Amino acid sequence: MKVMLRMNDAGNLIAYVAKKDLEEEVVKQTAGDDGMIFTLANGWELEFSNLPEPLKLPQTFEAKRLA
């Protein structure tokens, strides 16, 4: 699924999933086997395998929902 990542005014990372009309704050970032796993405030876990370093935001990335 396509997920747009951006920073809000408070400096927190925000994930927006257009197909679900979902916008949530990223509350946890962990390294997974295939990339970074972001945990959203609603409990969703999204795995990003193609995140560049450093992140240039806002930008849309492909992610896989784990939970």
PDB file of N, CA and C in Angstrom:
ATOM      1  N   MET A   1       0.831  -1.166   0.000  1.00  0.00           N
ATOM      2  CA  MET A   1       0.000   0.000   0.000  1.00  0.00           C
ATOM      3  C   MET A   1       0.884   1.240   0.000  1.00  0.00           C
ATOM      4  N   LYS A   2       0.392   2.299  -0.579  1.00  0.00           N
ATOM      5  CA  LYS A   2       1.140   3.546  -0.632  1.00  0.00           C
ATOM      6  C   LYS A   2       0.860   4.358   0.628  1.00  0.00           C
ATOM      7  N   VAL A   3       1.956   4.834   1.252  1.00  0.00           N
ATOM      8  CA  VAL A   3       1.846   5.600   2.498  1.00  0.00           C
ATOM      9  C   VAL A   3       2.669   6.873   2.338  1.00  0.00           C
ATOM     10  N   MET A   4       2.034   8.006   2.631  1.00  0.00           N
ATOM     11  CA  MET A   4       2.738   9.281   2.580  1.00  0.00           C
ATOM     12  C   MET A   4       3.238   9.597   3.987  1.00  0.00           C
ATOM     13  N   LEU A   5       4.543   9.867   4.091  1.00  0.00           N
ATOM     14  CA  LEU A   5       5.147  10.232   5.369  1.00  0.00           C
ATOM     15  C   LEU A   5       5.460  11.718   5.352  1.00  0.00           C
ATOM     16  N   ARG A   6       5.184  12.383   6.466  1.00  0.00           N
ATOM     17  CA  ARG A   6       5.485  13.809   6.594  1.00  0.00           C
ATOM     18  C   ARG A   6       5.691  14.128   8.065  1.00  0.00           C
ATOM     19  N   MET A   7       6.237  15.304   8.320  1.00  0.00           N
ATOM     20  CA  MET A   7       6.391  15.797   9.690  1.00  0.00           C
ATOM     21  C   MET A   7       5.280  16.803   9.965  1.00  0.00           C
ATOM     22  N   ASN A   8       4.679  16.740  11.164  1.00  0.00           N
ATOM     23  CA  ASN A   8       3.676  17.742  11.511  1.00  0.00           C
ATOM     24  C   ASN A   8       4.362  18.955  12.136  1.00  0.00           C
ATOM     25  N   ASP A   9       3.582  19.942  12.545  1.00  0.00           N
ATOM     26  CA  ASP A   9       4.136  21.178  13.099  1.00  0.00           C
ATOM     27  C   ASP A   9       4.910  20.946  14.386  1.00  0.00           C
ATOM     28  N   ALA A  10       4.552  19.910  15.138  1.00  0.00           N
ATOM     29  CA  ALA A  10       5.237  19.599  16.394  1.00  0.00           C
ATOM     30  C   ALA A  10       6.516  18.786  16.166  1.00  0.00           C
ATOM     31  N   GLY A  11       6.796  18.405  14.914  1.00  0.00           N
ATOM     32  CA  GLY A  11       8.001  17.647  14.612  1.00  0.00           C
ATOM     33  C   GLY A  11       7.829  16.145  14.715  1.00  0.00           C
ATOM     34  N   ASN A  12       6.585  15.660  14.812  1.00  0.00           N
ATOM     35  CA  ASN A  12       6.312  14.226  14.882  1.00  0.00           C
ATOM     36  C   ASN A  12       6.081  13.671  13.485  1.00  0.00           C
ATOM     37  N   LEU A  13       6.501  12.435  13.269  1.00  0.00           N
ATOM     38  CA  LEU A  13       6.317  11.766  11.985  1.00  0.00           C
ATOM     39  C   LEU A  13       4.867  11.320  11.866  1.00  0.00           C
ATOM     40  N   ILE A  14       4.241  11.638  10.723  1.00  0.00           N
ATOM     41  CA  ILE A  14       2.842  11.307  10.455  1.00  0.00           C
ATOM     42  C   ILE A  14       2.790  10.410   9.232  1.00  0.00           C
ATOM     43  N   ALA A  15       1.960   9.357   9.299  1.00  0.00           N
ATOM     44  CA  ALA A  15       1.734   8.466   8.162  1.00  0.00           C
ATOM     45  C   ALA A  15       0.300   8.656   7.683  1.00  0.00           C
ATOM     46  N   TYR A  16       0.126   8.814   6.371  1.00  0.00           N
ATOM     47  CA  TYR A  16      -1.198   8.971   5.773  1.00  0.00           C
ATOM     48  C   TYR A  16      -1.408   7.887   4.724  1.00  0.00           C
ATOM     49  N   VAL A  17      -2.477   7.101   4.906  1.00  0.00           N
ATOM     50  CA  VAL A  17      -2.844   6.045   3.966  1.00  0.00           C
ATOM     51  C   VAL A  17      -4.112   6.505   3.254  1.00  0.00           C
ATOM     52  N   ALA A  18      -3.982   6.920   1.991  1.00  0.00           N
ATOM     53  CA  ALA A  18      -5.100   7.517   1.259  1.00  0.00           C
ATOM     54  C   ALA A  18      -6.256   6.532   1.059  1.00  0.00           C
ATOM     55  N   LYS A  19      -5.957   5.281   0.710  1.00  0.00           N
ATOM     56  CA  LYS A  19      -7.027   4.307   0.437  1.00  0.00           C
ATOM     57  C   LYS A  19      -7.887   4.027   1.663  1.00  0.00           C
ATOM     58  N   LYS A  20      -7.323   4.218   2.850  1.00  0.00           N
ATOM     59  CA  LYS A  20      -8.073   4.005   4.093  1.00  0.00           C
ATOM     60  C   LYS A  20      -8.508   5.320   4.725  1.00  0.00           C
ATOM     61  N   ASP A  21      -8.132   6.461   4.107  1.00  0.00           N
ATOM     62  CA  ASP A  21      -8.368   7.793   4.657  1.00  0.00           C
ATOM     63  C   ASP A  21      -7.930   7.830   6.120  1.00  0.00           C
ATOM     64  N   LEU A  22      -6.711   7.366   6.346  1.00  0.00           N
ATOM     65  CA  LEU A  22      -6.162   7.211   7.688  1.00  0.00           C
ATOM     66  C   LEU A  22      -4.918   8.077   7.836  1.00  0.00           C
ATOM     67  N   GLU A  23      -4.897   8.895   8.873  1.00  0.00           N
ATOM     68  CA  GLU A  23      -3.728   9.700   9.188  1.00  0.00           C
ATOM     69  C   GLU A  23      -3.423   9.508  10.667  1.00  0.00           C
ATOM     70  N   GLU A  24      -2.267   8.940  10.962  1.00  0.00           N
ATOM     71  CA  GLU A  24      -1.890   8.628  12.337  1.00  0.00           C
ATOM     72  C   GLU A  24      -0.442   9.001  12.589  1.00  0.00           C
ATOM     73  N   GLU A  25      -0.148   9.306  13.844  1.00  0.00           N
ATOM     74  CA  GLU A  25       1.217   9.603  14.258  1.00  0.00           C
ATOM     75  C   GLU A  25       1.998   8.309  14.430  1.00  0.00           C
ATOM     76  N   VAL A  26       3.267   8.330  14.034  1.00  0.00           N
ATOM     77  CA  VAL A  26       4.157   7.186  14.244  1.00  0.00           C
ATOM     78  C   VAL A  26       4.655   7.272  15.688  1.00  0.00           C
ATOM     79  N   VAL A  27       4.336   6.244  16.485  1.00  0.00           N
ATOM     80  CA  VAL A  27       4.708   6.269  17.899  1.00  0.00           C
ATOM     81  C   VAL A  27       5.948   5.445  18.199  1.00  0.00           C
ATOM     82  N   LYS A  28       6.355   4.569  17.236  1.00  0.00           N
ATOM     83  CA  LYS A  28       7.529   3.717  17.471  1.00  0.00           C
ATOM     84  C   LYS A  28       8.154   3.353  16.139  1.00  0.00           C
ATOM     85  N   GLN A  29       9.485   3.370  16.095  1.00  0.00           N
ATOM     86  CA  GLN A  29      10.221   2.965  14.898  1.00  0.00           C
ATOM     87  C   GLN A  29      11.222   1.895  15.307  1.00  0.00           C
ATOM     88  N   THR A  30      11.179   0.741  14.637  1.00  0.00           N
ATOM     89  CA  THR A  30      12.114  -0.336  14.932  1.00  0.00           C
ATOM     90  C   THR A  30      12.674  -0.889  13.620  1.00  0.00           C
ATOM     91  N   ALA A  31      13.847  -1.471  13.704  1.00  0.00           N
ATOM     92  CA  ALA A  31      14.457  -2.103  12.532  1.00  0.00           C
ATOM     93  C   ALA A  31      13.933  -3.532  12.416  1.00  0.00           C
ATOM     94  N   GLY A  32      13.465  -3.886  11.227  1.00  0.00           N
ATOM     95  CA  GLY A  32      12.988  -5.236  10.973  1.00  0.00           C
ATOM     96  C   GLY A  32      13.936  -5.978  10.062  1.00  0.00           C
ATOM     97  N   ASP A  33      13.567  -7.194   9.678  1.00  0.00           N
ATOM     98  CA  ASP A  33      14.399  -8.013   8.799  1.00  0.00           C
ATOM     99  C   ASP A  33      14.538  -7.391   7.412  1.00  0.00           C
ATOM    100  N   ASP A  34      13.453  -6.809   6.906  1.00  0.00           N
ATOM    101  CA  ASP A  34      13.450  -6.272   5.542  1.00  0.00           C
ATOM    102  C   ASP A  34      13.462  -4.754   5.485  1.00  0.00           C
ATOM    103  N   GLY A  35      13.534  -4.083   6.626  1.00  0.00           N
ATOM    104  CA  GLY A  35      13.534  -2.620   6.626  1.00  0.00           C
ATOM    105  C   GLY A  35      13.049  -2.069   7.956  1.00  0.00           C
ATOM    106  N   MET A  36      12.493  -0.871   7.911  1.00  0.00           N
ATOM    107  CA  MET A  36      11.993  -0.216   9.118  1.00  0.00           C
ATOM    108  C   MET A  36      10.529  -0.572   9.346  1.00  0.00           C
ATOM    109  N   ILE A  37      10.171  -0.762  10.622  1.00  0.00           N
ATOM    110  CA  ILE A  37       8.787  -1.011  11.006  1.00  0.00           C
ATOM    111  C   ILE A  37       8.322   0.175  11.827  1.00  0.00           C
ATOM    112  N   PHE A  38       7.260   0.825  11.356  1.00  0.00           N
ATOM    113  CA  PHE A  38       6.664   1.950  12.060  1.00  0.00           C
ATOM    114  C   PHE A  38       5.377   1.482  12.710  1.00  0.00           C
ATOM    115  N   THR A  39       5.223   1.766  14.001  1.00  0.00           N
ATOM    116  CA  THR A  39       3.983   1.481  14.716  1.00  0.00           C
ATOM    117  C   THR A  39       3.206   2.779  14.813  1.00  0.00           C
ATOM    118  N   LEU A  40       1.953   2.749  14.354  1.00  0.00           N
ATOM    119  CA  LEU A  40       1.111   3.936  14.367  1.00  0.00           C
ATOM    120  C   LEU A  40       0.322   4.019  15.671  1.00  0.00           C
ATOM    121  N   ALA A  41      -0.230   5.182  15.943  1.00  0.00           N
ATOM    122  CA  ALA A  41      -0.971   5.407  17.186  1.00  0.00           C
ATOM    123  C   ALA A  41      -2.200   4.502  17.292  1.00  0.00           C
ATOM    124  N   ASN A  42      -2.756   4.061  16.165  1.00  0.00           N
ATOM    125  CA  ASN A  42      -3.927   3.185  16.203  1.00  0.00           C
ATOM    126  C   ASN A  42      -3.554   1.707  16.343  1.00  0.00           C
ATOM    127  N   GLY A  43      -2.243   1.389  16.420  1.00  0.00           N
ATOM    128  CA  GLY A  43      -1.799   0.009  16.593  1.00  0.00           C
ATOM    129  C   GLY A  43      -1.314  -0.661  15.324  1.00  0.00           C
ATOM    130  N   TRP A  44      -1.537  -0.073  14.160  1.00  0.00           N
ATOM    131  CA  TRP A  44      -1.066  -0.659  12.911  1.00  0.00           C
ATOM    132  C   TRP A  44       0.451  -0.692  12.903  1.00  0.00           C
ATOM    133  N   GLU A  45       1.022  -1.744  12.298  1.00  0.00           N
ATOM    134  CA  GLU A  45       2.462  -1.831  12.067  1.00  0.00           C
ATOM    135  C   GLU A  45       2.686  -1.876  10.568  1.00  0.00           C
ATOM    136  N   LEU A  46       3.488  -0.932  10.076  1.00  0.00           N
ATOM    137  CA  LEU A  46       3.783  -0.843   8.649  1.00  0.00           C
ATOM    138  C   LEU A  46       5.268  -1.062   8.441  1.00  0.00           C
ATOM    139  N   GLU A  47       5.605  -1.942   7.492  1.00  0.00           N
ATOM    140  CA  GLU A  47       7.003  -2.221   7.193  1.00  0.00           C
ATOM    141  C   GLU A  47       7.389  -1.537   5.877  1.00  0.00           C
ATOM    142  N   PHE A  48       8.453  -0.752   5.935  1.00  0.00           N
ATOM    143  CA  PHE A  48       8.989  -0.031   4.785  1.00  0.00           C
ATOM    144  C   PHE A  48      10.347  -0.639   4.447  1.00  0.00           C
ATOM    145  N   SER A  49      10.490  -1.150   3.222  1.00  0.00           N
ATOM    146  CA  SER A  49      11.748  -1.791   2.847  1.00  0.00           C
ATOM    147  C   SER A  49      12.644  -0.881   2.012  1.00  0.00           C
ATOM    148  N   ASN A  50      12.137   0.268   1.590  1.00  0.00           N
ATOM    149  CA  ASN A  50      12.895   1.096   0.655  1.00  0.00           C
ATOM    150  C   ASN A  50      13.115   2.516   1.183  1.00  0.00           C
ATOM    151  N   LEU A  51      13.258   2.701   2.467  1.00  0.00           N
ATOM    152  CA  LEU A  51      13.442   4.048   3.012  1.00  0.00           C
ATOM    153  C   LEU A  51      14.885   4.509   2.844  1.00  0.00           C
ATOM    154  N   PRO A  52      15.078   5.646   2.203  1.00  0.00           N
ATOM    155  CA  PRO A  52      16.436   6.174   2.054  1.00  0.00           C
ATOM    156  C   PRO A  52      16.900   6.850   3.348  1.00  0.00           C
ATOM    157  N   GLU A  53      18.186   6.963   3.490  1.00  0.00           N
ATOM    158  CA  GLU A  53      18.764   7.703   4.622  1.00  0.00           C
ATOM    159  C   GLU A  53      19.549   8.862   4.075  1.00  0.00           C
ATOM    160  N   PRO A  54      19.336  10.074   4.493  1.00  0.00           N
ATOM    161  CA  PRO A  54      18.279  10.526   5.399  1.00  0.00           C
ATOM    162  C   PRO A  54      16.945  10.662   4.662  1.00  0.00           C
ATOM    163  N   LEU A  55      15.860  10.636   5.438  1.00  0.00           N
ATOM    164  CA  LEU A  55      14.518  10.786   4.870  1.00  0.00           C
ATOM    165  C   LEU A  55      14.294  12.221   4.425  1.00  0.00           C
ATOM    166  N   LYS A  56      13.790  12.391   3.222  1.00  0.00           N
ATOM    167  CA  LYS A  56      13.387  13.715   2.738  1.00  0.00           C
ATOM    168  C   LYS A  56      11.869  13.703   2.671  1.00  0.00           C
ATOM    169  N   LEU A  57      11.230  14.504   3.500  1.00  0.00           N
ATOM    170  CA  LEU A  57       9.776  14.472   3.628  1.00  0.00           C
ATOM    171  C   LEU A  57       9.177  15.793   3.182  1.00  0.00           C
ATOM    172  N   PRO A  58       7.912  15.822   2.738  1.00  0.00           N
ATOM    173  CA  PRO A  58       6.981  14.696   2.592  1.00  0.00           C
ATOM    174  C   PRO A  58       7.290  13.866   1.343  1.00  0.00           C
ATOM    175  N   GLN A  59       6.989  12.586   1.440  1.00  0.00           N
ATOM    176  CA  GLN A  59       7.243  11.667   0.332  1.00  0.00           C
ATOM    177  C   GLN A  59       6.365  10.431   0.498  1.00  0.00           C
ATOM    178  N   THR A  60       6.010   9.804  -0.630  1.00  0.00           N
ATOM    179  CA  THR A  60       5.196   8.599  -0.617  1.00  0.00           C
ATOM    180  C   THR A  60       6.082   7.375  -0.817  1.00  0.00           C
ATOM    181  N   PHE A  61       5.823   6.346  -0.002  1.00  0.00           N
ATOM    182  CA  PHE A  61       6.590   5.103  -0.049  1.00  0.00           C
ATOM    183  C   PHE A  61       5.640   3.923  -0.092  1.00  0.00           C
ATOM    184  N   GLU A  62       6.142   2.796  -0.565  1.00  0.00           N
ATOM    185  CA  GLU A  62       5.399   1.542  -0.552  1.00  0.00           C
ATOM    186  C   GLU A  62       5.635   0.860   0.801  1.00  0.00           C
ATOM    187  N   ALA A  63       4.560   0.390   1.416  1.00  0.00           N
ATOM    188  CA  ALA A  63       4.668  -0.261   2.726  1.00  0.00           C
ATOM    189  C   ALA A  63       3.794  -1.518   2.742  1.00  0.00           C
ATOM    190  N   LYS A  64       4.119  -2.399   3.685  1.00  0.00           N
ATOM    191  CA  LYS A  64       3.345  -3.619   3.890  1.00  0.00           C
ATOM    192  C   LYS A  64       2.797  -3.580   5.310  1.00  0.00           C
ATOM    193  N   ARG A  65       1.501  -3.833   5.454  1.00  0.00           N
ATOM    194  CA  ARG A  65       0.887  -3.834   6.782  1.00  0.00           C
ATOM    195  C   ARG A  65       1.139  -5.185   7.457  1.00  0.00           C
ATOM    196  N   LEU A  66       1.732  -5.135   8.644  1.00  0.00           N
ATOM    197  CA  LEU A  66       2.013  -6.358   9.395  1.00  0.00           C
ATOM    198  C   LEU A  66       0.916  -6.663  10.391  1.00  0.00           C
ATOM    199  N   ALA A  67       0.420  -5.660  11.097  1.00  0.00           N
ATOM    200  CA  ALA A  67      -0.630  -5.878  12.101  1.00  0.00           C
ATOM    201  C   ALA A  67      -1.518  -4.670  12.195  1.00  0.00           C
TER     202      ALA A  67
END
